[in-house]
Amino acid sequence: MFHIVLHFLVPAIIAALFYRKMLLKVWLIMIATMIVDLDHLLANPMYDPNRCSIGFHPLHSYMAVVIYVGLLFVPRVRLIAIGLVIHMALDYADCFI
C-alpha cells in the first residue's frame, strides 16, 4: 500500500520543487506514466507480492529503463521520462523491501 502512495507522492514532490507554476499539470503528466503498469496484465498471476517488476514485465525491462533514461535528454518528452524513471526507481526499490 505504501508503495502505491509513493507513486503519487514522489511525482507531487518533484512537481512542487521544480515545476511550481505548472504543479497540477506536471503532476498529472507524471501520474499518467503509471499506464506502463498495463504490462502486468500479461503476467500470470497478474500480481505476485514476491515478484520484482523490474526485468520481468516488458515495459519494466532493463532495456525499457535505458530508453526512459535516454528520454530525459529530449525536452519535448522530459516530463513523461521523469515520471517513467520515478516509477521504475520506486518499483526497483520495492524489489528490496
Protein backbone atom coordinates (compact mmCIF):
# COMPACT_ATOMS: atom_id res chain seq x y z
CA MET A 1 0.00 0.00 0.00
CA PHE A 2 2.79 2.42 0.91
CA HIS A 3 4.43 1.65 -2.44
CA ILE A 4 1.33 2.85 -4.29
CA VAL A 5 1.17 6.03 -2.21
CA LEU A 6 4.78 6.76 -3.20
CA HIS A 7 3.80 6.56 -6.88
CA PHE A 8 1.57 9.58 -6.25
CA LEU A 9 3.62 11.38 -3.60
CA VAL A 10 7.09 11.42 -5.21
CA PRO A 11 5.87 12.98 -8.50
CA ALA A 12 3.96 15.57 -6.43
CA ILE A 13 7.14 16.48 -4.57
CA ILE A 14 9.15 16.74 -7.81
CA ALA A 15 6.42 18.87 -9.40
CA ALA A 16 6.26 21.14 -6.33
CA LEU A 17 10.03 21.58 -6.17
CA PHE A 18 10.83 22.11 -9.83
CA TYR A 19 7.59 22.99 -11.65
CA ARG A 20 5.69 25.08 -9.10
CA LYS A 21 3.91 27.27 -11.69
CA MET A 22 2.54 24.19 -13.51
CA LEU A 23 2.29 21.91 -10.50
CA LEU A 24 -1.02 20.19 -11.27
CA LYS A 25 -0.32 19.74 -14.99
CA VAL A 26 3.17 18.34 -14.38
CA TRP A 27 1.93 16.05 -11.60
CA LEU A 28 -0.86 14.69 -13.81
CA ILE A 29 1.58 14.03 -16.67
CA MET A 30 3.89 12.10 -14.35
CA ILE A 31 0.96 10.19 -12.82
CA ALA A 32 -0.23 9.28 -16.32
CA THR A 33 3.00 7.34 -16.83
CA MET A 34 1.62 4.69 -14.50
CA ILE A 35 -0.01 3.34 -17.65
CA VAL A 36 3.20 1.30 -18.04
CA ASP A 37 1.74 -0.98 -15.39
CA LEU A 38 -0.62 -2.33 -18.03
CA ASP A 39 2.12 -4.83 -18.82
CA HIS A 40 1.23 -6.51 -15.52
CA LEU A 41 -1.88 -7.80 -17.31
CA LEU A 42 0.39 -10.09 -19.34
CA ALA A 43 1.72 -11.88 -16.26
CA ASN A 44 0.23 -14.94 -14.62
CA PRO A 45 -0.59 -14.25 -11.85
CA MET A 46 -1.07 -10.54 -12.53
CA TYR A 47 0.08 -9.63 -9.03
CA ASP A 48 2.69 -11.50 -7.06
CA PRO A 49 3.96 -9.69 -3.95
CA ASN A 50 7.24 -11.60 -4.11
CA ARG A 51 7.99 -10.79 -7.76
CA CYS A 52 10.25 -7.93 -8.81
CA SER A 53 8.65 -5.99 -11.67
CA ILE A 54 11.98 -4.76 -12.99
CA GLY A 55 13.28 -7.21 -15.55
CA PHE A 56 10.08 -9.27 -15.51
CA HIS A 57 7.43 -7.21 -17.31
CA PRO A 58 8.12 -5.90 -20.85
CA LEU A 59 7.67 -2.20 -20.02
CA HIS A 60 9.76 -2.71 -16.88
CA SER A 61 12.65 -4.41 -18.70
CA TYR A 62 16.20 -3.15 -18.35
CA MET A 63 16.17 -2.03 -21.99
CA ALA A 64 12.97 -0.06 -21.39
CA VAL A 65 14.57 1.63 -18.38
CA VAL A 66 17.58 2.62 -20.51
CA ILE A 67 15.19 4.15 -23.05
CA TYR A 68 13.31 6.03 -20.32
CA VAL A 69 16.58 7.46 -19.01
CA GLY A 70 17.59 8.43 -22.55
CA LEU A 71 14.29 10.27 -22.98
CA LEU A 72 15.31 12.57 -20.12
CA PHE A 73 17.53 14.32 -22.67
CA VAL A 74 14.65 15.04 -25.07
CA PRO A 75 12.98 18.27 -23.89
CA ARG A 76 9.58 17.57 -25.51
CA VAL A 77 9.07 14.35 -23.54
CA ARG A 78 11.14 15.13 -20.44
CA LEU A 79 8.16 15.20 -18.04
CA ILE A 80 6.99 11.81 -19.28
CA ALA A 81 10.54 10.48 -18.91
CA ILE A 82 10.79 11.84 -15.37
CA GLY A 83 7.54 10.10 -14.48
CA LEU A 84 8.74 6.83 -16.01
CA VAL A 85 12.13 6.97 -14.29
CA ILE A 86 10.49 7.73 -10.92
CA HIS A 87 8.11 4.82 -11.49
CA MET A 88 10.94 2.42 -12.33
CA ALA A 89 13.04 3.62 -9.38
CA LEU A 90 10.15 3.05 -6.98
CA ASP A 91 9.45 -0.38 -8.46
CA TYR A 92 13.15 -1.25 -8.21
CA ALA A 93 13.28 -0.13 -4.58
CA ASP A 94 10.23 -2.33 -3.92
CA CYS A 95 12.29 -5.34 -5.01
CA PHE A 96 14.39 -4.98 -1.86
CA ILE A 97 11.58 -4.41 0.63
